[in-house]
Amino acid sequence: DVQKDEKSVSCAVKKDAGDDSDVTDG
């Protein structure tokens, strides 16, 4: 989700918890 405008840029990275149990995975 890369997004640009005249003054800024935003993007995201998807959390990968590997084989650990983590509610923030994904």
mmCIF file of all heavy atoms, coordinates in Angstrom:
data_MODEL
# 
_entry.id   MODEL 
# 
loop_
_atom_site.group_PDB 
_atom_site.id 
_atom_site.type_symbol 
_atom_site.label_atom_id 
_atom_site.label_alt_id 
_atom_site.label_comp_id 
_atom_site.label_asym_id 
_atom_site.label_entity_id 
_atom_site.label_seq_id 
_atom_site.pdbx_PDB_ins_code 
_atom_site.Cartn_x 
_atom_site.Cartn_y 
_atom_site.Cartn_z 
_atom_site.occupancy 
_atom_site.B_iso_or_equiv 
_atom_site.pdbx_formal_charge 
_atom_site.auth_seq_id 
_atom_site.auth_comp_id 
_atom_site.auth_asym_id 
_atom_site.auth_atom_id 
_atom_site.pdbx_PDB_model_num 
ATOM 1   N N   . ASP A 1 1  ? 0.819  -1.220  0.000  1.00 0.00 ? 1  ASP A N   1 
ATOM 2   C CA  . ASP A 1 1  ? 0.000  0.000   0.000  1.00 0.00 ? 1  ASP A CA  1 
ATOM 3   C C   . ASP A 1 1  ? 0.851  1.267   0.000  1.00 0.00 ? 1  ASP A C   1 
ATOM 4   O O   . ASP A 1 1  ? 0.700  2.143   0.868  1.00 0.00 ? 1  ASP A O   1 
ATOM 5   C CB  . ASP A 1 1  ? -0.950 -0.008  1.207  1.00 0.00 ? 1  ASP A CB  1 
ATOM 6   C CG  . ASP A 1 1  ? -2.032 1.070   1.105  1.00 0.00 ? 1  ASP A CG  1 
ATOM 7   O OD1 . ASP A 1 1  ? -2.287 1.537   -0.018 1.00 0.00 ? 1  ASP A OD1 1 
ATOM 8   O OD2 . ASP A 1 1  ? -2.600 1.432   2.157  1.00 0.00 ? 1  ASP A OD2 1 
ATOM 9   N N   . VAL A 1 2  ? 1.729  1.394   -0.986 1.00 0.00 ? 2  VAL A N   1 
ATOM 10  C CA  . VAL A 1 2  ? 2.554  2.599   -1.111 1.00 0.00 ? 2  VAL A CA  1 
ATOM 11  C C   . VAL A 1 2  ? 1.684  3.747   -1.620 1.00 0.00 ? 2  VAL A C   1 
ATOM 12  O O   . VAL A 1 2  ? 0.993  3.620   -2.624 1.00 0.00 ? 2  VAL A O   1 
ATOM 13  C CB  . VAL A 1 2  ? 3.732  2.355   -2.068 1.00 0.00 ? 2  VAL A CB  1 
ATOM 14  C CG1 . VAL A 1 2  ? 4.521  3.641   -2.283 1.00 0.00 ? 2  VAL A CG1 1 
ATOM 15  C CG2 . VAL A 1 2  ? 4.629  1.250   -1.531 1.00 0.00 ? 2  VAL A CG2 1 
ATOM 16  N N   . GLN A 1 3  ? 1.724  4.874   -0.898 1.00 0.00 ? 3  GLN A N   1 
ATOM 17  C CA  . GLN A 1 3  ? 0.945  6.038   -1.288 1.00 0.00 ? 3  GLN A CA  1 
ATOM 18  C C   . GLN A 1 3  ? 1.812  7.290   -1.202 1.00 0.00 ? 3  GLN A C   1 
ATOM 19  O O   . GLN A 1 3  ? 2.592  7.445   -0.266 1.00 0.00 ? 3  GLN A O   1 
ATOM 20  C CB  . GLN A 1 3  ? -0.286 6.198   -0.390 1.00 0.00 ? 3  GLN A CB  1 
ATOM 21  C CG  . GLN A 1 3  ? -1.268 5.044   -0.498 1.00 0.00 ? 3  GLN A CG  1 
ATOM 22  C CD  . GLN A 1 3  ? -2.547 5.298   0.270  1.00 0.00 ? 3  GLN A CD  1 
ATOM 23  O OE1 . GLN A 1 3  ? -2.937 6.448   0.480  1.00 0.00 ? 3  GLN A OE1 1 
ATOM 24  N NE2 . GLN A 1 3  ? -3.212 4.239   0.694  1.00 0.00 ? 3  GLN A NE2 1 
ATOM 25  N N   . LYS A 1 4  ? 1.656  8.171   -2.215 1.00 0.00 ? 4  LYS A N   1 
ATOM 26  C CA  . LYS A 1 4  ? 2.469  9.388   -2.269 1.00 0.00 ? 4  LYS A CA  1 
ATOM 27  C C   . LYS A 1 4  ? 1.588  10.600  -2.463 1.00 0.00 ? 4  LYS A C   1 
ATOM 28  O O   . LYS A 1 4  ? 0.522  10.520  -3.074 1.00 0.00 ? 4  LYS A O   1 
ATOM 29  C CB  . LYS A 1 4  ? 3.449  9.327   -3.450 1.00 0.00 ? 4  LYS A CB  1 
ATOM 30  C CG  . LYS A 1 4  ? 4.425  8.171   -3.430 1.00 0.00 ? 4  LYS A CG  1 
ATOM 31  C CD  . LYS A 1 4  ? 5.316  8.247   -4.669 1.00 0.00 ? 4  LYS A CD  1 
ATOM 32  C CE  . LYS A 1 4  ? 6.286  7.093   -4.750 1.00 0.00 ? 4  LYS A CE  1 
ATOM 33  N NZ  . LYS A 1 4  ? 7.124  7.178   -5.967 1.00 0.00 ? 4  LYS A NZ  1 
ATOM 34  N N   . ASP A 1 5  ? 2.044  11.718  -1.919 1.00 0.00 ? 5  ASP A N   1 
ATOM 35  C CA  . ASP A 1 5  ? 1.477  13.007  -2.293 1.00 0.00 ? 5  ASP A CA  1 
ATOM 36  C C   . ASP A 1 5  ? 2.629  14.004  -2.384 1.00 0.00 ? 5  ASP A C   1 
ATOM 37  O O   . ASP A 1 5  ? 3.799  13.606  -2.369 1.00 0.00 ? 5  ASP A O   1 
ATOM 38  C CB  . ASP A 1 5  ? 0.395  13.458  -1.313 1.00 0.00 ? 5  ASP A CB  1 
ATOM 39  C CG  . ASP A 1 5  ? 0.916  13.584  0.114  1.00 0.00 ? 5  ASP A CG  1 
ATOM 40  O OD1 . ASP A 1 5  ? 2.083  13.968  0.300  1.00 0.00 ? 5  ASP A OD1 1 
ATOM 41  O OD2 . ASP A 1 5  ? 0.137  13.307  1.058  1.00 0.00 ? 5  ASP A OD2 1 
ATOM 42  N N   . GLU A 1 6  ? 2.336  15.293  -2.502 1.00 0.00 ? 6  GLU A N   1 
ATOM 43  C CA  . GLU A 1 6  ? 3.385  16.274  -2.737 1.00 0.00 ? 6  GLU A CA  1 
ATOM 44  C C   . GLU A 1 6  ? 4.369  16.373  -1.572 1.00 0.00 ? 6  GLU A C   1 
ATOM 45  O O   . GLU A 1 6  ? 5.548  16.654  -1.770 1.00 0.00 ? 6  GLU A O   1 
ATOM 46  C CB  . GLU A 1 6  ? 2.757  17.648  -2.992 1.00 0.00 ? 6  GLU A CB  1 
ATOM 47  C CG  . GLU A 1 6  ? 1.971  17.723  -4.300 1.00 0.00 ? 6  GLU A CG  1 
ATOM 48  C CD  . GLU A 1 6  ? 1.401  19.104  -4.518 1.00 0.00 ? 6  GLU A CD  1 
ATOM 49  O OE1 . GLU A 1 6  ? 1.612  19.982  -3.649 1.00 0.00 ? 6  GLU A OE1 1 
ATOM 50  O OE2 . GLU A 1 6  ? 0.757  19.313  -5.559 1.00 0.00 ? 6  GLU A OE2 1 
ATOM 51  N N   . LYS A 1 7  ? 3.896  16.133  -0.349 1.00 0.00 ? 7  LYS A N   1 
ATOM 52  C CA  . LYS A 1 7  ? 4.742  16.364  0.819  1.00 0.00 ? 7  LYS A CA  1 
ATOM 53  C C   . LYS A 1 7  ? 5.111  15.114  1.604  1.00 0.00 ? 7  LYS A C   1 
ATOM 54  O O   . LYS A 1 7  ? 5.928  15.187  2.517  1.00 0.00 ? 7  LYS A O   1 
ATOM 55  C CB  . LYS A 1 7  ? 4.048  17.349  1.765  1.00 0.00 ? 7  LYS A CB  1 
ATOM 56  C CG  . LYS A 1 7  ? 3.834  18.734  1.182  1.00 0.00 ? 7  LYS A CG  1 
ATOM 57  C CD  . LYS A 1 7  ? 3.215  19.657  2.215  1.00 0.00 ? 7  LYS A CD  1 
ATOM 58  C CE  . LYS A 1 7  ? 3.024  21.055  1.651  1.00 0.00 ? 7  LYS A CE  1 
ATOM 59  N NZ  . LYS A 1 7  ? 2.407  21.962  2.663  1.00 0.00 ? 7  LYS A NZ  1 
ATOM 60  N N   . SER A 1 8  ? 4.509  13.971  1.271  1.00 0.00 ? 8  SER A N   1 
ATOM 61  C CA  . SER A 1 8  ? 4.756  12.790  2.095  1.00 0.00 ? 8  SER A CA  1 
ATOM 62  C C   . SER A 1 8  ? 4.618  11.505  1.298  1.00 0.00 ? 8  SER A C   1 
ATOM 63  O O   . SER A 1 8  ? 4.058  11.482  0.203  1.00 0.00 ? 8  SER A O   1 
ATOM 64  C CB  . SER A 1 8  ? 3.793  12.754  3.284  1.00 0.00 ? 8  SER A CB  1 
ATOM 65  O OG  . SER A 1 8  ? 2.466  12.543  2.834  1.00 0.00 ? 8  SER A OG  1 
ATOM 66  N N   . VAL A 1 9  ? 5.144  10.422  1.895  1.00 0.00 ? 9  VAL A N   1 
ATOM 67  C CA  . VAL A 1 9  ? 5.015  9.071   1.343  1.00 0.00 ? 9  VAL A CA  1 
ATOM 68  C C   . VAL A 1 9  ? 4.699  8.136   2.509  1.00 0.00 ? 9  VAL A C   1 
ATOM 69  O O   . VAL A 1 9  ? 5.275  8.257   3.592  1.00 0.00 ? 9  VAL A O   1 
ATOM 70  C CB  . VAL A 1 9  ? 6.320  8.603   0.658  1.00 0.00 ? 9  VAL A CB  1 
ATOM 71  C CG1 . VAL A 1 9  ? 6.172  7.163   0.165  1.00 0.00 ? 9  VAL A CG1 1 
ATOM 72  C CG2 . VAL A 1 9  ? 6.691  9.518   -0.489 1.00 0.00 ? 9  VAL A CG2 1 
ATOM 73  N N   . SER A 1 10 ? 3.777  7.212   2.279  1.00 0.00 ? 10 SER A N   1 
ATOM 74  C CA  . SER A 1 10 ? 3.481  6.215   3.306  1.00 0.00 ? 10 SER A CA  1 
ATOM 75  C C   . SER A 1 10 ? 3.490  4.825   2.697  1.00 0.00 ? 10 SER A C   1 
ATOM 76  O O   . SER A 1 10 ? 3.254  4.653   1.498  1.00 0.00 ? 10 SER A O   1 
ATOM 77  C CB  . SER A 1 10 ? 2.128  6.482   3.974  1.00 0.00 ? 10 SER A CB  1 
ATOM 78  O OG  . SER A 1 10 ? 1.068  6.181   3.096  1.00 0.00 ? 10 SER A OG  1 
ATOM 79  N N   . CYS A 1 11 ? 3.767  3.821   3.531  1.00 0.00 ? 11 CYS A N   1 
ATOM 80  C CA  . CYS A 1 11 ? 3.738  2.428   3.111  1.00 0.00 ? 11 CYS A CA  1 
ATOM 81  C C   . CYS A 1 11 ? 3.605  1.560   4.349  1.00 0.00 ? 11 CYS A C   1 
ATOM 82  O O   . CYS A 1 11 ? 3.721  2.044   5.485  1.00 0.00 ? 11 CYS A O   1 
ATOM 83  C CB  . CYS A 1 11 ? 4.997  2.052   2.313  1.00 0.00 ? 11 CYS A CB  1 
ATOM 84  S SG  . CYS A 1 11 ? 6.526  2.199   3.259  1.00 0.00 ? 11 CYS A SG  1 
ATOM 85  N N   . ALA A 1 12 ? 3.367  0.287   4.131  1.00 0.00 ? 12 ALA A N   1 
ATOM 86  C CA  . ALA A 1 12 ? 3.184  -0.638  5.248  1.00 0.00 ? 12 ALA A CA  1 
ATOM 87  C C   . ALA A 1 12 ? 4.058  -1.862  5.063  1.00 0.00 ? 12 ALA A C   1 
ATOM 88  O O   . ALA A 1 12 ? 4.417  -2.233  3.941  1.00 0.00 ? 12 ALA A O   1 
ATOM 89  C CB  . ALA A 1 12 ? 1.719  -1.049  5.377  1.00 0.00 ? 12 ALA A CB  1 
ATOM 90  N N   . VAL A 1 13 ? 4.382  -2.490  6.193  1.00 0.00 ? 13 VAL A N   1 
ATOM 91  C CA  . VAL A 1 13 ? 5.059  -3.784  6.214  1.00 0.00 ? 13 VAL A CA  1 
ATOM 92  C C   . VAL A 1 13 ? 4.187  -4.729  7.029  1.00 0.00 ? 13 VAL A C   1 
ATOM 93  O O   . VAL A 1 13 ? 3.673  -4.350  8.091  1.00 0.00 ? 13 VAL A O   1 
ATOM 94  C CB  . VAL A 1 13 ? 6.465  -3.677  6.843  1.00 0.00 ? 13 VAL A CB  1 
ATOM 95  C CG1 . VAL A 1 13 ? 7.056  -5.058  7.102  1.00 0.00 ? 13 VAL A CG1 1 
ATOM 96  C CG2 . VAL A 1 13 ? 7.383  -2.881  5.925  1.00 0.00 ? 13 VAL A CG2 1 
ATOM 97  N N   . LYS A 1 14 ? 4.021  -5.922  6.528  1.00 0.00 ? 14 LYS A N   1 
ATOM 98  C CA  . LYS A 1 14 ? 3.168  -6.915  7.194  1.00 0.00 ? 14 LYS A CA  1 
ATOM 99  C C   . LYS A 1 14 ? 3.960  -7.678  8.245  1.00 0.00 ? 14 LYS A C   1 
ATOM 100 O O   . LYS A 1 14 ? 5.005  -8.241  7.967  1.00 0.00 ? 14 LYS A O   1 
ATOM 101 C CB  . LYS A 1 14 ? 2.611  -7.890  6.153  1.00 0.00 ? 14 LYS A CB  1 
ATOM 102 C CG  . LYS A 1 14 ? 1.579  -8.872  6.699  1.00 0.00 ? 14 LYS A CG  1 
ATOM 103 C CD  . LYS A 1 14 ? 1.022  -9.713  5.559  1.00 0.00 ? 14 LYS A CD  1 
ATOM 104 C CE  . LYS A 1 14 ? -0.053 -10.664 6.058  1.00 0.00 ? 14 LYS A CE  1 
ATOM 105 N NZ  . LYS A 1 14 ? -0.588 -11.493 4.946  1.00 0.00 ? 14 LYS A NZ  1 
ATOM 106 N N   . LYS A 1 15 ? 3.447  -7.680  9.466  1.00 0.00 ? 15 LYS A N   1 
ATOM 107 C CA  . LYS A 1 15 ? 4.104  -8.379  10.570 1.00 0.00 ? 15 LYS A CA  1 
ATOM 108 C C   . LYS A 1 15 ? 4.065  -9.885  10.335 1.00 0.00 ? 15 LYS A C   1 
ATOM 109 O O   . LYS A 1 15 ? 3.033  -10.466 10.012 1.00 0.00 ? 15 LYS A O   1 
ATOM 110 C CB  . LYS A 1 15 ? 3.403  -8.055  11.893 1.00 0.00 ? 15 LYS A CB  1 
ATOM 111 C CG  . LYS A 1 15 ? 3.759  -8.942  13.076 1.00 0.00 ? 15 LYS A CG  1 
ATOM 112 C CD  . LYS A 1 15 ? 5.171  -8.705  13.576 1.00 0.00 ? 15 LYS A CD  1 
ATOM 113 C CE  . LYS A 1 15 ? 5.488  -9.633  14.737 1.00 0.00 ? 15 LYS A CE  1 
ATOM 114 N NZ  . LYS A 1 15 ? 4.730  -9.349  15.969 1.00 0.00 ? 15 LYS A NZ  1 
ATOM 115 N N   . ASP A 1 16 ? 5.208  -10.533 10.497 1.00 0.00 ? 16 ASP A N   1 
ATOM 116 C CA  . ASP A 1 16 ? 5.315  -11.983 10.393 1.00 0.00 ? 16 ASP A CA  1 
ATOM 117 C C   . ASP A 1 16 ? 5.947  -12.487 11.680 1.00 0.00 ? 16 ASP A C   1 
ATOM 118 O O   . ASP A 1 16 ? 7.120  -12.232 11.951 1.00 0.00 ? 16 ASP A O   1 
ATOM 119 C CB  . ASP A 1 16 ? 6.177  -12.364 9.184  1.00 0.00 ? 16 ASP A CB  1 
ATOM 120 C CG  . ASP A 1 16 ? 6.266  -13.870 8.970  1.00 0.00 ? 16 ASP A CG  1 
ATOM 121 O OD1 . ASP A 1 16 ? 5.792  -14.620 9.843  1.00 0.00 ? 16 ASP A OD1 1 
ATOM 122 O OD2 . ASP A 1 16 ? 6.821  -14.290 7.942  1.00 0.00 ? 16 ASP A OD2 1 
ATOM 123 N N   . ALA A 1 17 ? 5.176  -13.190 12.483 1.00 0.00 ? 17 ALA A N   1 
ATOM 124 C CA  . ALA A 1 17 ? 5.670  -13.692 13.767 1.00 0.00 ? 17 ALA A CA  1 
ATOM 125 C C   . ALA A 1 17 ? 6.350  -15.042 13.644 1.00 0.00 ? 17 ALA A C   1 
ATOM 126 O O   . ALA A 1 17 ? 6.727  -15.635 14.655 1.00 0.00 ? 17 ALA A O   1 
ATOM 127 C CB  . ALA A 1 17 ? 4.520  -13.793 14.761 1.00 0.00 ? 17 ALA A CB  1 
ATOM 128 N N   . GLY A 1 18 ? 6.541  -15.527 12.406 1.00 0.00 ? 18 GLY A N   1 
ATOM 129 C CA  . GLY A 1 18 ? 7.145  -16.842 12.242 1.00 0.00 ? 18 GLY A CA  1 
ATOM 130 C C   . GLY A 1 18 ? 6.241  -17.903 12.832 1.00 0.00 ? 18 GLY A C   1 
ATOM 131 O O   . GLY A 1 18 ? 5.022  -17.869 12.669 1.00 0.00 ? 18 GLY A O   1 
ATOM 132 N N   . ASP A 1 19 ? 6.826  -18.846 13.555 1.00 0.00 ? 19 ASP A N   1 
ATOM 133 C CA  . ASP A 1 19 ? 6.043  -19.909 14.191 1.00 0.00 ? 19 ASP A CA  1 
ATOM 134 C C   . ASP A 1 19 ? 5.736  -19.600 15.648 1.00 0.00 ? 19 ASP A C   1 
ATOM 135 O O   . ASP A 1 19 ? 5.414  -20.504 16.427 1.00 0.00 ? 19 ASP A O   1 
ATOM 136 C CB  . ASP A 1 19 ? 6.794  -21.245 14.087 1.00 0.00 ? 19 ASP A CB  1 
ATOM 137 C CG  . ASP A 1 19 ? 6.724  -21.828 12.682 1.00 0.00 ? 19 ASP A CG  1 
ATOM 138 O OD1 . ASP A 1 19 ? 5.696  -21.625 12.010 1.00 0.00 ? 19 ASP A OD1 1 
ATOM 139 O OD2 . ASP A 1 19 ? 7.695  -22.474 12.252 1.00 0.00 ? 19 ASP A OD2 1 
ATOM 140 N N   . ASP A 1 20 ? 5.844  -18.332 16.016 1.00 0.00 ? 20 ASP A N   1 
ATOM 141 C CA  . ASP A 1 20 ? 5.478  -17.937 17.365 1.00 0.00 ? 20 ASP A CA  1 
ATOM 142 C C   . ASP A 1 20 ? 3.993  -17.574 17.400 1.00 0.00 ? 20 ASP A C   1 
ATOM 143 O O   . ASP A 1 20 ? 3.432  -17.122 16.401 1.00 0.00 ? 20 ASP A O   1 
ATOM 144 C CB  . ASP A 1 20 ? 6.303  -16.729 17.808 1.00 0.00 ? 20 ASP A CB  1 
ATOM 145 C CG  . ASP A 1 20 ? 6.214  -16.481 19.295 1.00 0.00 ? 20 ASP A CG  1 
ATOM 146 O OD1 . ASP A 1 20 ? 6.526  -17.408 20.054 1.00 0.00 ? 20 ASP A OD1 1 
ATOM 147 O OD2 . ASP A 1 20 ? 5.837  -15.382 19.694 1.00 0.00 ? 20 ASP A OD2 1 
ATOM 148 N N   . SER A 1 21 ? 3.382  -17.795 18.549 1.00 0.00 ? 21 SER A N   1 
ATOM 149 C CA  . SER A 1 21 ? 1.977  -17.431 18.720 1.00 0.00 ? 21 SER A CA  1 
ATOM 150 C C   . SER A 1 21 ? 1.902  -15.948 19.075 1.00 0.00 ? 21 SER A C   1 
ATOM 151 O O   . SER A 1 21 ? 2.321  -15.536 20.146 1.00 0.00 ? 21 SER A O   1 
ATOM 152 C CB  . SER A 1 21 ? 1.356  -18.280 19.831 1.00 0.00 ? 21 SER A CB  1 
ATOM 153 O OG  . SER A 1 21 ? 0.023  -17.903 20.050 1.00 0.00 ? 21 SER A OG  1 
ATOM 154 N N   . ASP A 1 22 ? 1.358  -15.144 18.182 1.00 0.00 ? 22 ASP A N   1 
ATOM 155 C CA  . ASP A 1 22 ? 1.382  -13.691 18.358 1.00 0.00 ? 22 ASP A CA  1 
ATOM 156 C C   . ASP A 1 22 ? 0.135  -13.105 17.712 1.00 0.00 ? 22 ASP A C   1 
ATOM 157 O O   . ASP A 1 22 ? -0.099 -13.299 16.514 1.00 0.00 ? 22 ASP A O   1 
ATOM 158 C CB  . ASP A 1 22 ? 2.644  -13.116 17.722 1.00 0.00 ? 22 ASP A CB  1 
ATOM 159 C CG  . ASP A 1 22 ? 2.872  -11.648 18.032 1.00 0.00 ? 22 ASP A CG  1 
ATOM 160 O OD1 . ASP A 1 22 ? 1.880  -10.946 18.292 1.00 0.00 ? 22 ASP A OD1 1 
ATOM 161 O OD2 . ASP A 1 22 ? 4.027  -11.213 18.016 1.00 0.00 ? 22 ASP A OD2 1 
ATOM 162 N N   . VAL A 1 23 ? -0.657 -12.364 18.483 1.00 0.00 ? 23 VAL A N   1 
ATOM 163 C CA  . VAL A 1 23 ? -1.905 -11.824 17.939 1.00 0.00 ? 23 VAL A CA  1 
ATOM 164 C C   . VAL A 1 23 ? -1.647 -10.760 16.877 1.00 0.00 ? 23 VAL A C   1 
ATOM 165 O O   . VAL A 1 23 ? -2.537 -10.461 16.079 1.00 0.00 ? 23 VAL A O   1 
ATOM 166 C CB  . VAL A 1 23 ? -2.791 -11.236 19.060 1.00 0.00 ? 23 VAL A CB  1 
ATOM 167 C CG1 . VAL A 1 23 ? -3.193 -12.299 20.051 1.00 0.00 ? 23 VAL A CG1 1 
ATOM 168 C CG2 . VAL A 1 23 ? -2.099 -10.092 19.762 1.00 0.00 ? 23 VAL A CG2 1 
ATOM 169 N N   . THR A 1 24 ? -0.463 -10.174 16.854 1.00 0.00 ? 24 THR A N   1 
ATOM 170 C CA  . THR A 1 24 ? -0.180 -9.156  15.840 1.00 0.00 ? 24 THR A CA  1 
ATOM 171 C C   . THR A 1 24 ? 0.323  -9.752  14.530 1.00 0.00 ? 24 THR A C   1 
ATOM 172 O O   . THR A 1 24 ? 0.612  -9.011  13.587 1.00 0.00 ? 24 THR A O   1 
ATOM 173 C CB  . THR A 1 24 ? 0.864  -8.139  16.352 1.00 0.00 ? 24 THR A CB  1 
ATOM 174 O OG1 . THR A 1 24 ? 2.101  -8.816  16.615 1.00 0.00 ? 24 THR A OG1 1 
ATOM 175 C CG2 . THR A 1 24 ? 0.376  -7.457  17.616 1.00 0.00 ? 24 THR A CG2 1 
ATOM 176 N N   . ASP A 1 25 ? 0.433  -11.077 14.463 1.00 0.00 ? 25 ASP A N   1 
ATOM 177 C CA  . ASP A 1 25 ? 0.873  -11.711 13.217 1.00 0.00 ? 25 ASP A CA  1 
ATOM 178 C C   . ASP A 1 25 ? -0.068 -11.326 12.082 1.00 0.00 ? 25 ASP A C   1 
ATOM 179 O O   . ASP A 1 25 ? -1.286 -11.461 12.187 1.00 0.00 ? 25 ASP A O   1 
ATOM 180 C CB  . ASP A 1 25 ? 0.889  -13.234 13.399 1.00 0.00 ? 25 ASP A CB  1 
ATOM 181 C CG  . ASP A 1 25 ? 1.439  -13.954 12.175 1.00 0.00 ? 25 ASP A CG  1 
ATOM 182 O OD1 . ASP A 1 25 ? 2.491  -13.534 11.668 1.00 0.00 ? 25 ASP A OD1 1 
ATOM 183 O OD2 . ASP A 1 25 ? 0.812  -14.937 11.725 1.00 0.00 ? 25 ASP A OD2 1 
ATOM 184 N N   . GLY A 1 26 ? 0.488  -10.841 10.995 1.00 0.00 ? 26 GLY A N   1 
ATOM 185 C CA  . GLY A 1 26 ? -0.311 -10.439 9.835  1.00 0.00 ? 26 GLY A CA  1 
ATOM 186 C C   . GLY A 1 26 ? -0.783 -8.999  9.864  1.00 0.00 ? 26 GLY A C   1 
ATOM 187 O O   . GLY A 1 26 ? -1.354 -8.514  8.875  1.00 0.00 ? 26 GLY A O   1 
# 
